[in-house]
Amino acid sequence: MVFASLVFAGDKGFNPPPLNPARTYPAHEAHTDEKVTIAIDPFDTEAKAALFKIKYKEYDLLPIRLIISNDGDKPLMLDHARIELVTAHREKLTPAERDDILRKLARPEKVTSRPKVRLPIPGTHDNKPISRDAREEVEAAMFLSVPVSPNSTNSGFLFFDVSGIENPEAQAHLYISGIKAGTKELFYFDIPLEEYLSRPAPGKSTAN
């Protein structure tokens, strides 16, 4: 699993929404003893999805913004972090990697599962062309494996392939493990998406 701080790539045309502390989002889990809070914010509605140029829903891709607040005095190491979106029917989905997403955009009707072997992006004549803007948006929005500094908040987008799954967010949970504060591994996070579905996301008033 690859994590990262969000890349603010204004020159690439991607303009992320304002970032608030993780505790201000409805779907979050706080480990007060470890001084870490993680939140999730699905971008599944038409209004929120307007952030992107690509209509990910049309490709059965679900963007979920991940927000990590580190209120401790040690950096959070994410290079060995693991994440799964577990649905109500116990399907376990891992975030799509860059090549998976681009392959899906190129030939959505041909992608029915997440390949174990990474293949080159299709380039045959029956593929849908992928624009430079689309590639740059995907790369700008995704996570990279960089630490979260003390007393800071990082965020970025995870993209889940939900092909064939009806209402994937209902009763789903996001499990995150393997995060370390220095050399100590944190207790796992289990964030139900129902917290997001049952309450509104934070408004602009929370940004101050």
N, C-alpha and C. Protein backbone atom coordinates (compact mmCIF):
# COMPACT_ATOMS: atom_id res chain seq x y z
N MET A 1 0.85 -1.19 0.00
CA MET A 1 0.00 0.00 0.00
C MET A 1 0.88 1.24 0.00
N VAL A 2 0.55 2.15 -0.86
CA VAL A 2 1.36 3.37 -1.00
C VAL A 2 0.58 4.54 -0.44
N PHE A 3 1.17 5.27 0.52
CA PHE A 3 0.57 6.45 1.12
C PHE A 3 1.37 7.69 0.73
N ALA A 4 0.78 8.85 0.99
CA ALA A 4 1.54 10.08 0.76
C ALA A 4 0.84 11.28 1.30
N SER A 5 1.59 12.35 1.47
CA SER A 5 0.95 13.65 1.66
C SER A 5 0.40 14.09 0.33
N LEU A 6 -0.68 14.85 0.35
CA LEU A 6 -1.31 15.28 -0.90
C LEU A 6 -0.38 16.21 -1.65
N VAL A 7 -0.25 15.98 -2.94
CA VAL A 7 0.59 16.83 -3.78
C VAL A 7 -0.26 17.99 -4.28
N PHE A 8 0.09 19.19 -3.93
CA PHE A 8 -0.66 20.34 -4.38
C PHE A 8 -0.10 20.79 -5.72
N ALA A 9 -0.77 20.35 -6.77
CA ALA A 9 -0.24 20.54 -8.12
C ALA A 9 -1.10 21.51 -8.90
N GLY A 10 -1.11 22.75 -8.48
CA GLY A 10 -1.90 23.75 -9.17
C GLY A 10 -1.50 23.92 -10.61
N ASP A 11 -0.22 23.73 -10.91
CA ASP A 11 0.24 23.88 -12.28
C ASP A 11 -0.23 22.75 -13.16
N LYS A 12 -0.74 21.67 -12.53
CA LYS A 12 -1.26 20.54 -13.29
C LYS A 12 -2.78 20.58 -13.35
N GLY A 13 -3.38 21.63 -12.84
CA GLY A 13 -4.81 21.78 -12.94
C GLY A 13 -5.60 21.08 -11.85
N PHE A 14 -4.95 20.46 -10.88
CA PHE A 14 -5.65 19.78 -9.79
C PHE A 14 -5.69 20.69 -8.57
N ASN A 15 -6.87 21.02 -8.13
CA ASN A 15 -7.04 21.94 -7.01
C ASN A 15 -7.74 21.23 -5.87
N PRO A 16 -7.00 20.68 -4.90
CA PRO A 16 -7.62 19.92 -3.80
C PRO A 16 -8.46 20.81 -2.90
N PRO A 17 -9.43 20.24 -2.21
CA PRO A 17 -10.26 21.03 -1.29
C PRO A 17 -9.46 21.44 -0.07
N PRO A 18 -9.95 22.42 0.70
CA PRO A 18 -9.26 22.82 1.93
C PRO A 18 -9.07 21.64 2.87
N LEU A 19 -7.96 21.63 3.58
CA LEU A 19 -7.64 20.53 4.48
C LEU A 19 -7.89 20.94 5.92
N ASN A 20 -8.71 20.16 6.63
CA ASN A 20 -8.99 20.37 8.04
C ASN A 20 -8.34 19.28 8.88
N PRO A 21 -8.18 19.49 10.19
CA PRO A 21 -7.70 18.41 11.06
C PRO A 21 -8.60 17.19 10.96
N ALA A 22 -8.02 16.01 11.07
CA ALA A 22 -8.77 14.77 10.89
C ALA A 22 -9.96 14.66 11.84
N ARG A 23 -9.83 15.19 13.04
CA ARG A 23 -10.92 15.06 14.03
C ARG A 23 -12.19 15.80 13.62
N THR A 24 -12.12 16.72 12.65
CA THR A 24 -13.29 17.50 12.26
C THR A 24 -14.16 16.78 11.22
N TYR A 25 -13.71 15.64 10.71
CA TYR A 25 -14.48 14.91 9.71
C TYR A 25 -15.36 13.87 10.40
N PRO A 26 -16.58 13.65 9.91
CA PRO A 26 -17.49 12.71 10.58
C PRO A 26 -16.92 11.31 10.75
N ALA A 27 -16.31 10.77 9.71
CA ALA A 27 -15.77 9.41 9.77
C ALA A 27 -14.30 9.48 10.16
N HIS A 28 -14.03 9.34 11.44
CA HIS A 28 -12.64 9.38 11.91
C HIS A 28 -12.47 8.50 13.14
N GLU A 29 -11.23 8.18 13.42
CA GLU A 29 -10.89 7.45 14.64
C GLU A 29 -9.67 8.11 15.25
N ALA A 30 -9.77 8.42 16.54
CA ALA A 30 -8.67 9.09 17.25
C ALA A 30 -8.04 8.12 18.24
N HIS A 31 -6.72 8.00 18.18
CA HIS A 31 -5.96 7.28 19.19
C HIS A 31 -5.29 8.33 20.08
N THR A 32 -5.99 8.71 21.13
CA THR A 32 -5.50 9.83 21.96
C THR A 32 -4.18 9.50 22.64
N ASP A 33 -4.00 8.24 23.02
CA ASP A 33 -2.74 7.89 23.68
C ASP A 33 -1.57 7.92 22.71
N GLU A 34 -1.83 7.63 21.44
CA GLU A 34 -0.79 7.65 20.42
C GLU A 34 -0.72 8.99 19.69
N LYS A 35 -1.69 9.86 19.98
CA LYS A 35 -1.74 11.21 19.42
C LYS A 35 -1.83 11.22 17.89
N VAL A 36 -2.65 10.32 17.38
CA VAL A 36 -2.86 10.21 15.93
C VAL A 36 -4.35 10.08 15.66
N THR A 37 -4.85 10.83 14.68
CA THR A 37 -6.24 10.72 14.24
C THR A 37 -6.26 10.53 12.75
N ILE A 38 -7.08 9.59 12.29
CA ILE A 38 -7.22 9.34 10.86
C ILE A 38 -8.69 9.47 10.48
N ALA A 39 -8.95 10.16 9.38
CA ALA A 39 -10.31 10.34 8.88
C ALA A 39 -10.38 9.94 7.42
N ILE A 40 -11.61 9.62 6.98
CA ILE A 40 -11.84 9.33 5.58
C ILE A 40 -13.01 10.17 5.09
N ASP A 41 -12.95 10.56 3.83
CA ASP A 41 -13.99 11.41 3.23
C ASP A 41 -14.22 10.96 1.79
N PRO A 42 -15.21 10.10 1.56
CA PRO A 42 -15.49 9.63 0.19
C PRO A 42 -15.98 10.77 -0.71
N PHE A 43 -15.49 10.78 -1.93
CA PHE A 43 -15.92 11.77 -2.92
C PHE A 43 -16.83 11.05 -3.91
N ASP A 44 -18.04 10.74 -3.44
CA ASP A 44 -18.96 9.91 -4.19
C ASP A 44 -20.15 10.67 -4.75
N THR A 45 -20.40 11.88 -4.26
CA THR A 45 -21.53 12.65 -4.76
C THR A 45 -21.13 13.47 -5.97
N GLU A 46 -22.13 13.87 -6.74
CA GLU A 46 -21.84 14.64 -7.95
C GLU A 46 -21.14 15.95 -7.62
N ALA A 47 -21.58 16.60 -6.53
CA ALA A 47 -20.99 17.89 -6.15
C ALA A 47 -19.53 17.74 -5.76
N LYS A 48 -19.22 16.72 -4.96
CA LYS A 48 -17.85 16.53 -4.52
C LYS A 48 -16.96 16.01 -5.65
N ALA A 49 -17.54 15.15 -6.50
CA ALA A 49 -16.76 14.59 -7.60
C ALA A 49 -16.39 15.65 -8.64
N ALA A 50 -17.07 16.80 -8.59
CA ALA A 50 -16.77 17.88 -9.53
C ALA A 50 -15.35 18.42 -9.34
N LEU A 51 -14.72 18.07 -8.21
CA LEU A 51 -13.32 18.45 -7.97
C LEU A 51 -12.42 17.91 -9.08
N PHE A 52 -12.76 16.74 -9.59
CA PHE A 52 -11.92 16.05 -10.56
C PHE A 52 -12.39 16.31 -11.99
N LYS A 53 -11.45 16.26 -12.93
CA LYS A 53 -11.79 16.32 -14.34
C LYS A 53 -12.31 14.96 -14.82
N ILE A 54 -11.77 13.90 -14.26
CA ILE A 54 -12.18 12.55 -14.63
C ILE A 54 -13.44 12.17 -13.86
N LYS A 55 -14.40 11.58 -14.53
CA LYS A 55 -15.61 11.09 -13.89
C LYS A 55 -15.35 9.65 -13.43
N TYR A 56 -14.72 9.51 -12.27
CA TYR A 56 -14.27 8.20 -11.80
C TYR A 56 -15.43 7.22 -11.59
N LYS A 57 -16.59 7.74 -11.22
CA LYS A 57 -17.74 6.85 -10.97
C LYS A 57 -18.11 6.08 -12.23
N GLU A 58 -17.93 6.71 -13.40
CA GLU A 58 -18.25 6.04 -14.66
C GLU A 58 -17.32 4.87 -14.94
N TYR A 59 -16.19 4.83 -14.26
CA TYR A 59 -15.22 3.74 -14.41
C TYR A 59 -15.22 2.80 -13.21
N ASP A 60 -16.26 2.91 -12.38
CA ASP A 60 -16.38 2.08 -11.17
C ASP A 60 -15.20 2.28 -10.22
N LEU A 61 -14.71 3.50 -10.15
CA LEU A 61 -13.65 3.85 -9.21
C LEU A 61 -14.21 4.78 -8.14
N LEU A 62 -13.97 4.45 -6.89
CA LEU A 62 -14.45 5.24 -5.77
C LEU A 62 -13.28 5.99 -5.14
N PRO A 63 -13.23 7.33 -5.27
CA PRO A 63 -12.17 8.11 -4.61
C PRO A 63 -12.53 8.35 -3.13
N ILE A 64 -11.60 8.06 -2.27
CA ILE A 64 -11.77 8.34 -0.84
C ILE A 64 -10.57 9.15 -0.37
N ARG A 65 -10.84 10.31 0.17
CA ARG A 65 -9.75 11.14 0.71
C ARG A 65 -9.37 10.62 2.09
N LEU A 66 -8.09 10.43 2.30
CA LEU A 66 -7.57 9.97 3.58
C LEU A 66 -6.86 11.14 4.25
N ILE A 67 -7.22 11.41 5.51
CA ILE A 67 -6.65 12.53 6.25
C ILE A 67 -5.97 11.98 7.50
N ILE A 68 -4.70 12.28 7.68
CA ILE A 68 -3.93 11.80 8.83
C ILE A 68 -3.37 12.98 9.60
N SER A 69 -3.76 13.10 10.86
CA SER A 69 -3.25 14.16 11.74
C SER A 69 -2.31 13.55 12.77
N ASN A 70 -1.10 14.06 12.80
CA ASN A 70 -0.08 13.61 13.75
C ASN A 70 0.13 14.70 14.79
N ASP A 71 -0.41 14.49 16.00
CA ASP A 71 -0.25 15.45 17.09
C ASP A 71 0.86 15.05 18.05
N GLY A 72 1.63 14.07 17.66
CA GLY A 72 2.74 13.62 18.50
C GLY A 72 4.04 14.31 18.15
N ASP A 73 5.12 13.85 18.78
CA ASP A 73 6.43 14.48 18.57
C ASP A 73 7.37 13.62 17.74
N LYS A 74 6.82 12.54 17.14
CA LYS A 74 7.62 11.68 16.27
C LYS A 74 6.95 11.59 14.90
N PRO A 75 7.72 11.52 13.83
CA PRO A 75 7.12 11.38 12.50
C PRO A 75 6.41 10.04 12.35
N LEU A 76 5.33 10.04 11.60
CA LEU A 76 4.62 8.81 11.29
C LEU A 76 5.19 8.22 10.01
N MET A 77 5.65 6.98 10.10
CA MET A 77 6.24 6.30 8.97
C MET A 77 5.16 5.45 8.29
N LEU A 78 4.93 5.68 7.00
CA LEU A 78 3.83 5.06 6.28
C LEU A 78 4.26 4.05 5.23
N ASP A 79 5.57 3.82 5.12
CA ASP A 79 6.06 2.98 4.03
C ASP A 79 5.62 1.53 4.15
N HIS A 80 5.25 1.07 5.36
CA HIS A 80 4.78 -0.31 5.53
C HIS A 80 3.31 -0.35 5.94
N ALA A 81 2.60 0.75 5.75
CA ALA A 81 1.19 0.79 6.11
C ALA A 81 0.37 -0.09 5.17
N ARG A 82 -0.69 -0.66 5.71
CA ARG A 82 -1.59 -1.51 4.93
C ARG A 82 -3.01 -0.98 5.08
N ILE A 83 -3.78 -1.03 4.00
CA ILE A 83 -5.13 -0.51 4.02
C ILE A 83 -6.06 -1.41 3.23
N GLU A 84 -7.27 -1.60 3.75
CA GLU A 84 -8.30 -2.39 3.06
C GLU A 84 -9.65 -1.74 3.27
N LEU A 85 -10.44 -1.71 2.22
CA LEU A 85 -11.84 -1.34 2.32
C LEU A 85 -12.63 -2.63 2.34
N VAL A 86 -13.26 -2.92 3.47
CA VAL A 86 -14.00 -4.17 3.64
C VAL A 86 -15.49 -3.86 3.57
N THR A 87 -16.17 -4.46 2.59
CA THR A 87 -17.57 -4.18 2.35
C THR A 87 -18.47 -5.01 3.28
N ALA A 88 -19.77 -4.76 3.20
CA ALA A 88 -20.73 -5.48 4.03
C ALA A 88 -20.71 -6.97 3.75
N HIS A 89 -20.32 -7.37 2.53
CA HIS A 89 -20.26 -8.78 2.16
C HIS A 89 -18.85 -9.34 2.27
N ARG A 90 -18.00 -8.61 2.98
CA ARG A 90 -16.64 -9.04 3.31
C ARG A 90 -15.70 -9.07 2.13
N GLU A 91 -16.04 -8.38 1.03
CA GLU A 91 -15.03 -8.18 -0.01
C GLU A 91 -13.94 -7.28 0.55
N LYS A 92 -12.70 -7.62 0.29
CA LYS A 92 -11.57 -6.85 0.77
C LYS A 92 -10.89 -6.18 -0.42
N LEU A 93 -11.00 -4.86 -0.47
CA LEU A 93 -10.47 -4.10 -1.59
C LEU A 93 -9.24 -3.31 -1.14
N THR A 94 -8.19 -3.37 -1.94
CA THR A 94 -7.01 -2.54 -1.68
C THR A 94 -7.01 -1.38 -2.67
N PRO A 95 -6.39 -0.27 -2.32
CA PRO A 95 -6.38 0.88 -3.23
C PRO A 95 -5.70 0.54 -4.55
N ALA A 96 -6.28 1.02 -5.63
CA ALA A 96 -5.69 0.80 -6.94
C ALA A 96 -4.39 1.59 -7.08
N GLU A 97 -3.42 1.01 -7.74
CA GLU A 97 -2.18 1.71 -8.02
C GLU A 97 -2.33 2.53 -9.30
N ARG A 98 -1.34 3.35 -9.56
CA ARG A 98 -1.41 4.26 -10.71
C ARG A 98 -1.70 3.50 -12.00
N ASP A 99 -0.93 2.45 -12.27
CA ASP A 99 -1.10 1.72 -13.52
C ASP A 99 -2.47 1.05 -13.59
N ASP A 100 -2.99 0.59 -12.45
CA ASP A 100 -4.33 0.01 -12.43
C ASP A 100 -5.37 1.04 -12.87
N ILE A 101 -5.23 2.25 -12.35
CA ILE A 101 -6.20 3.30 -12.67
C ILE A 101 -6.11 3.68 -14.14
N LEU A 102 -4.91 3.88 -14.65
CA LEU A 102 -4.76 4.25 -16.05
C LEU A 102 -5.24 3.15 -16.98
N ARG A 103 -5.00 1.90 -16.60
CA ARG A 103 -5.49 0.78 -17.40
C ARG A 103 -7.01 0.78 -17.42
N LYS A 104 -7.61 1.09 -16.27
CA LYS A 104 -9.07 1.14 -16.16
C LYS A 104 -9.63 2.26 -17.04
N LEU A 105 -8.97 3.40 -17.04
CA LEU A 105 -9.42 4.52 -17.86
C LEU A 105 -9.28 4.22 -19.35
N ALA A 106 -8.25 3.43 -19.69
CA ALA A 106 -8.00 3.13 -21.10
C ALA A 106 -8.97 2.08 -21.64
N ARG A 107 -9.23 1.05 -20.85
CA ARG A 107 -10.09 -0.04 -21.33
C ARG A 107 -10.99 -0.51 -20.19
N PRO A 108 -11.96 0.28 -19.77
CA PRO A 108 -12.79 -0.08 -18.62
C PRO A 108 -13.53 -1.40 -18.79
N GLU A 109 -13.93 -1.74 -20.01
CA GLU A 109 -14.69 -2.96 -20.24
C GLU A 109 -13.82 -4.21 -20.15
N LYS A 110 -12.48 -4.03 -20.19
CA LYS A 110 -11.57 -5.17 -20.16
C LYS A 110 -11.04 -5.45 -18.77
N VAL A 111 -11.23 -4.53 -17.83
CA VAL A 111 -10.64 -4.68 -16.51
C VAL A 111 -11.70 -5.23 -15.57
N THR A 112 -11.58 -6.49 -15.18
CA THR A 112 -12.55 -7.12 -14.30
C THR A 112 -11.94 -7.51 -12.96
N SER A 113 -10.63 -7.39 -12.83
CA SER A 113 -9.98 -7.70 -11.56
C SER A 113 -8.67 -6.96 -11.49
N ARG A 114 -8.09 -6.92 -10.30
CA ARG A 114 -6.82 -6.23 -10.10
C ARG A 114 -5.69 -7.19 -10.43
N PRO A 115 -4.91 -6.94 -11.46
CA PRO A 115 -3.86 -7.89 -11.85
C PRO A 115 -2.74 -7.96 -10.82
N LYS A 116 -2.23 -9.18 -10.62
CA LYS A 116 -1.10 -9.36 -9.71
C LYS A 116 0.21 -8.94 -10.37
N VAL A 117 0.30 -9.14 -11.68
CA VAL A 117 1.50 -8.76 -12.42
C VAL A 117 1.25 -7.43 -13.10
N ARG A 118 2.14 -6.47 -12.91
CA ARG A 118 1.98 -5.15 -13.52
C ARG A 118 2.34 -5.21 -14.99
N LEU A 119 1.39 -4.89 -15.84
CA LEU A 119 1.61 -4.90 -17.28
C LEU A 119 1.70 -3.49 -17.81
N PRO A 120 2.31 -3.30 -18.98
CA PRO A 120 2.34 -1.95 -19.56
C PRO A 120 0.94 -1.44 -19.82
N ILE A 121 0.77 -0.11 -19.80
CA ILE A 121 -0.52 0.48 -20.12
C ILE A 121 -0.87 0.14 -21.55
N PRO A 122 -2.09 -0.37 -21.81
CA PRO A 122 -2.45 -0.76 -23.18
C PRO A 122 -2.26 0.38 -24.15
N GLY A 123 -1.82 0.06 -25.38
CA GLY A 123 -1.59 1.11 -26.38
C GLY A 123 -2.15 0.76 -27.73
N THR A 124 -3.03 -0.24 -27.78
CA THR A 124 -3.59 -0.64 -29.05
C THR A 124 -4.69 0.29 -29.49
N HIS A 125 -5.12 0.15 -30.76
CA HIS A 125 -6.02 1.10 -31.38
C HIS A 125 -7.41 1.11 -30.75
N ASP A 126 -7.81 0.02 -30.04
CA ASP A 126 -9.16 -0.02 -29.48
C ASP A 126 -9.21 0.55 -28.06
N ASN A 127 -8.14 1.12 -27.58
CA ASN A 127 -8.13 1.72 -26.26
C ASN A 127 -8.67 3.14 -26.31
N LYS A 128 -9.25 3.56 -25.21
CA LYS A 128 -9.67 4.94 -25.09
C LYS A 128 -8.42 5.77 -24.77
N PRO A 129 -8.14 6.83 -25.53
CA PRO A 129 -6.96 7.64 -25.25
C PRO A 129 -7.00 8.25 -23.85
N ILE A 130 -5.86 8.28 -23.19
CA ILE A 130 -5.76 8.91 -21.87
C ILE A 130 -5.04 10.23 -22.05
N SER A 131 -5.70 11.31 -21.72
CA SER A 131 -5.12 12.63 -21.92
C SER A 131 -4.01 12.90 -20.90
N ARG A 132 -3.17 13.84 -21.24
CA ARG A 132 -2.10 14.23 -20.33
C ARG A 132 -2.69 14.79 -19.04
N ASP A 133 -3.78 15.55 -19.15
CA ASP A 133 -4.42 16.12 -17.96
C ASP A 133 -4.93 15.01 -17.04
N ALA A 134 -5.47 13.95 -17.62
CA ALA A 134 -5.98 12.85 -16.81
C ALA A 134 -4.84 12.15 -16.07
N ARG A 135 -3.75 11.89 -16.77
CA ARG A 135 -2.60 11.25 -16.13
C ARG A 135 -2.07 12.12 -14.99
N GLU A 136 -1.96 13.41 -15.24
CA GLU A 136 -1.42 14.31 -14.23
C GLU A 136 -2.35 14.43 -13.03
N GLU A 137 -3.67 14.38 -13.29
CA GLU A 137 -4.61 14.45 -12.17
C GLU A 137 -4.46 13.23 -11.26
N VAL A 138 -4.39 12.05 -11.87
CA VAL A 138 -4.22 10.82 -11.09
C VAL A 138 -2.95 10.89 -10.26
N GLU A 139 -1.85 11.27 -10.88
CA GLU A 139 -0.56 11.32 -10.19
C GLU A 139 -0.54 12.38 -9.09
N ALA A 140 -1.23 13.51 -9.32
CA ALA A 140 -1.24 14.58 -8.34
C ALA A 140 -2.09 14.25 -7.13
N ALA A 141 -3.17 13.49 -7.34
CA ALA A 141 -4.11 13.21 -6.25
C ALA A 141 -3.66 12.04 -5.37
N MET A 142 -2.93 11.09 -5.93
CA MET A 142 -2.59 9.88 -5.19
C MET A 142 -1.55 10.12 -4.09
N PHE A 143 -1.50 9.16 -3.18
CA PHE A 143 -0.51 9.19 -2.10
C PHE A 143 0.88 8.76 -2.56
N LEU A 144 1.88 9.26 -1.86
CA LEU A 144 3.26 8.78 -1.96
C LEU A 144 3.70 8.38 -0.56
N SER A 145 4.71 7.56 -0.46
CA SER A 145 5.12 7.05 0.85
C SER A 145 6.09 8.00 1.53
N VAL A 146 5.55 9.08 2.06
CA VAL A 146 6.37 10.03 2.80
C VAL A 146 5.86 10.13 4.23
N PRO A 147 6.73 10.43 5.20
CA PRO A 147 6.30 10.51 6.60
C PRO A 147 5.37 11.70 6.84
N VAL A 148 4.56 11.58 7.90
CA VAL A 148 3.74 12.69 8.37
C VAL A 148 4.50 13.33 9.53
N SER A 149 4.91 14.57 9.36
CA SER A 149 5.73 15.26 10.35
C SER A 149 4.95 15.49 11.65
N PRO A 150 5.63 15.65 12.77
CA PRO A 150 4.96 15.95 14.03
C PRO A 150 4.13 17.24 13.92
N ASN A 151 2.98 17.24 14.58
CA ASN A 151 2.09 18.40 14.63
C ASN A 151 1.69 18.89 13.22
N SER A 152 1.34 17.95 12.38
CA SER A 152 0.91 18.30 11.02
C SER A 152 -0.18 17.35 10.56
N THR A 153 -0.87 17.74 9.47
CA THR A 153 -1.92 16.92 8.87
C THR A 153 -1.62 16.74 7.39
N ASN A 154 -1.64 15.50 6.93
CA ASN A 154 -1.46 15.18 5.52
C ASN A 154 -2.74 14.57 4.97
N SER A 155 -2.94 14.69 3.69
CA SER A 155 -4.09 14.03 3.07
C SER A 155 -3.81 13.71 1.62
N GLY A 156 -4.61 12.84 1.06
CA GLY A 156 -4.51 12.46 -0.34
C GLY A 156 -5.64 11.52 -0.68
N PHE A 157 -5.70 11.09 -1.91
CA PHE A 157 -6.82 10.27 -2.37
C PHE A 157 -6.41 8.83 -2.63
N LEU A 158 -7.28 7.92 -2.18
CA LEU A 158 -7.20 6.51 -2.51
C LEU A 158 -8.31 6.21 -3.50
N PHE A 159 -8.05 5.35 -4.47
CA PHE A 159 -9.04 5.01 -5.48
C PHE A 159 -9.31 3.50 -5.42
N PHE A 160 -10.56 3.13 -5.17
CA PHE A 160 -10.93 1.73 -5.06
C PHE A 160 -11.75 1.30 -6.27
N ASP A 161 -11.40 0.16 -6.84
CA ASP A 161 -12.15 -0.42 -7.94
C ASP A 161 -13.33 -1.18 -7.35
N VAL A 162 -14.54 -0.65 -7.53
CA VAL A 162 -15.74 -1.25 -6.95
C VAL A 162 -16.61 -1.90 -8.02
N SER A 163 -16.01 -2.35 -9.08
CA SER A 163 -16.75 -3.02 -10.16
C SER A 163 -17.55 -4.20 -9.62
N GLY A 164 -18.83 -4.26 -9.98
CA GLY A 164 -19.67 -5.38 -9.60
C GLY A 164 -20.14 -5.37 -8.16
N ILE A 165 -19.83 -4.32 -7.40
CA ILE A 165 -20.24 -4.25 -6.00
C ILE A 165 -21.36 -3.21 -5.88
N GLU A 166 -22.52 -3.66 -5.48
CA GLU A 166 -23.65 -2.75 -5.33
C GLU A 166 -23.58 -2.03 -3.99
N ASN A 167 -23.66 -0.70 -4.04
CA ASN A 167 -23.62 0.13 -2.84
C ASN A 167 -22.41 -0.24 -1.95
N PRO A 168 -21.20 -0.08 -2.44
CA PRO A 168 -20.01 -0.55 -1.71
C PRO A 168 -19.75 0.16 -0.39
N GLU A 169 -20.31 1.35 -0.19
CA GLU A 169 -20.03 2.09 1.04
C GLU A 169 -20.89 1.66 2.21
N ALA A 170 -22.07 1.10 1.94
CA ALA A 170 -22.99 0.73 3.02
C ALA A 170 -22.38 -0.33 3.92
N GLN A 171 -22.30 -0.04 5.21
CA GLN A 171 -21.76 -0.94 6.23
C GLN A 171 -20.30 -1.32 5.98
N ALA A 172 -19.61 -0.54 5.18
CA ALA A 172 -18.19 -0.82 4.91
C ALA A 172 -17.30 -0.20 5.98
N HIS A 173 -16.11 -0.75 6.11
CA HIS A 173 -15.11 -0.25 7.05
C HIS A 173 -13.79 -0.06 6.31
N LEU A 174 -13.01 0.90 6.74
CA LEU A 174 -11.66 1.07 6.23
C LEU A 174 -10.69 0.67 7.35
N TYR A 175 -9.88 -0.35 7.08
CA TYR A 175 -8.89 -0.83 8.04
C TYR A 175 -7.51 -0.33 7.64
N ILE A 176 -6.79 0.23 8.61
CA ILE A 176 -5.44 0.74 8.36
C ILE A 176 -4.53 0.21 9.46
N SER A 177 -3.45 -0.40 9.07
CA SER A 177 -2.48 -0.92 10.04
C SER A 177 -1.08 -0.73 9.50
N GLY A 178 -0.10 -0.98 10.35
CA GLY A 178 1.29 -0.91 9.92
C GLY A 178 1.92 0.46 9.98
N ILE A 179 1.20 1.46 10.50
CA ILE A 179 1.78 2.80 10.65
C ILE A 179 2.69 2.81 11.88
N LYS A 180 3.83 3.45 11.76
CA LYS A 180 4.77 3.51 12.87
C LYS A 180 5.03 4.96 13.28
N ALA A 181 5.12 5.18 14.60
CA ALA A 181 5.58 6.45 15.15
C ALA A 181 7.03 6.21 15.56
N GLY A 182 7.95 6.68 14.75
CA GLY A 182 9.34 6.31 14.96
C GLY A 182 9.51 4.85 14.61
N THR A 183 9.85 4.03 15.60
CA THR A 183 10.00 2.59 15.39
C THR A 183 8.85 1.79 15.99
N LYS A 184 7.91 2.44 16.67
CA LYS A 184 6.80 1.76 17.33
C LYS A 184 5.59 1.71 16.41
N GLU A 185 5.06 0.50 16.18
CA GLU A 185 3.88 0.37 15.35
C GLU A 185 2.62 0.74 16.12
N LEU A 186 1.76 1.53 15.51
CA LEU A 186 0.52 1.95 16.14
C LEU A 186 -0.51 0.85 16.10
N PHE A 187 -1.50 0.95 16.99
CA PHE A 187 -2.63 0.04 16.96
C PHE A 187 -3.41 0.31 15.68
N TYR A 188 -4.08 -0.71 15.15
CA TYR A 188 -4.77 -0.54 13.87
C TYR A 188 -5.96 0.42 14.00
N PHE A 189 -6.36 1.00 12.87
CA PHE A 189 -7.52 1.89 12.80
C PHE A 189 -8.64 1.16 12.05
N ASP A 190 -9.85 1.31 12.55
CA ASP A 190 -11.04 0.69 11.94
C ASP A 190 -12.10 1.78 11.85
N ILE A 191 -12.30 2.32 10.65
CA ILE A 191 -13.18 3.48 10.48
C ILE A 191 -14.40 3.08 9.66
N PRO A 192 -15.59 3.08 10.27
CA PRO A 192 -16.80 2.74 9.51
C PRO A 192 -17.25 3.89 8.63
N LEU A 193 -17.59 3.58 7.40
CA LEU A 193 -18.08 4.61 6.49
C LEU A 193 -19.48 5.08 6.87
N GLU A 194 -20.19 4.32 7.71
CA GLU A 194 -21.52 4.73 8.15
C GLU A 194 -21.47 6.08 8.86
N GLU A 195 -20.36 6.37 9.52
CA GLU A 195 -20.21 7.67 10.19
C GLU A 195 -20.26 8.80 9.17
N TYR A 196 -19.71 8.55 7.99
CA TYR A 196 -19.76 9.56 6.93
C TYR A 196 -21.15 9.62 6.30
N LEU A 197 -21.76 8.45 6.07
CA LEU A 197 -23.05 8.40 5.39
C LEU A 197 -24.18 8.98 6.23
N SER A 198 -24.06 8.89 7.56
CA SER A 198 -25.15 9.32 8.43
C SER A 198 -25.04 10.77 8.87
N ARG A 199 -23.88 11.41 8.61
CA ARG A 199 -23.71 12.81 9.00
C ARG A 199 -23.07 13.60 7.88
N PRO A 200 -23.35 14.89 7.80
CA PRO A 200 -22.75 15.70 6.73
C PRO A 200 -21.27 15.88 6.93
N ALA A 201 -20.55 16.04 5.84
CA ALA A 201 -19.11 16.33 5.89
C ALA A 201 -18.92 17.73 6.44
N PRO A 202 -17.74 18.07 6.99
CA PRO A 202 -17.51 19.38 7.55
C PRO A 202 -17.66 20.47 6.51
N GLY A 203 -18.28 21.58 6.89
CA GLY A 203 -18.46 22.70 5.98
C GLY A 203 -17.29 23.64 6.01
N LYS A 204 -17.42 24.71 5.27
CA LYS A 204 -16.32 25.66 5.18
C LYS A 204 -16.03 26.31 6.52
N SER A 205 -17.02 26.32 7.40
CA SER A 205 -16.82 26.98 8.69
C SER A 205 -15.79 26.29 9.54
N THR A 206 -15.49 24.97 9.26
CA THR A 206 -14.51 24.24 10.05
C THR A 206 -13.09 24.50 9.60
N ALA A 207 -12.92 25.21 8.52
CA ALA A 207 -11.58 25.40 7.97
C ALA A 207 -10.76 26.39 8.77
N ASN A 208 -11.40 27.25 9.56
CA ASN A 208 -10.66 28.26 10.32
C ASN A 208 -10.15 27.68 11.63
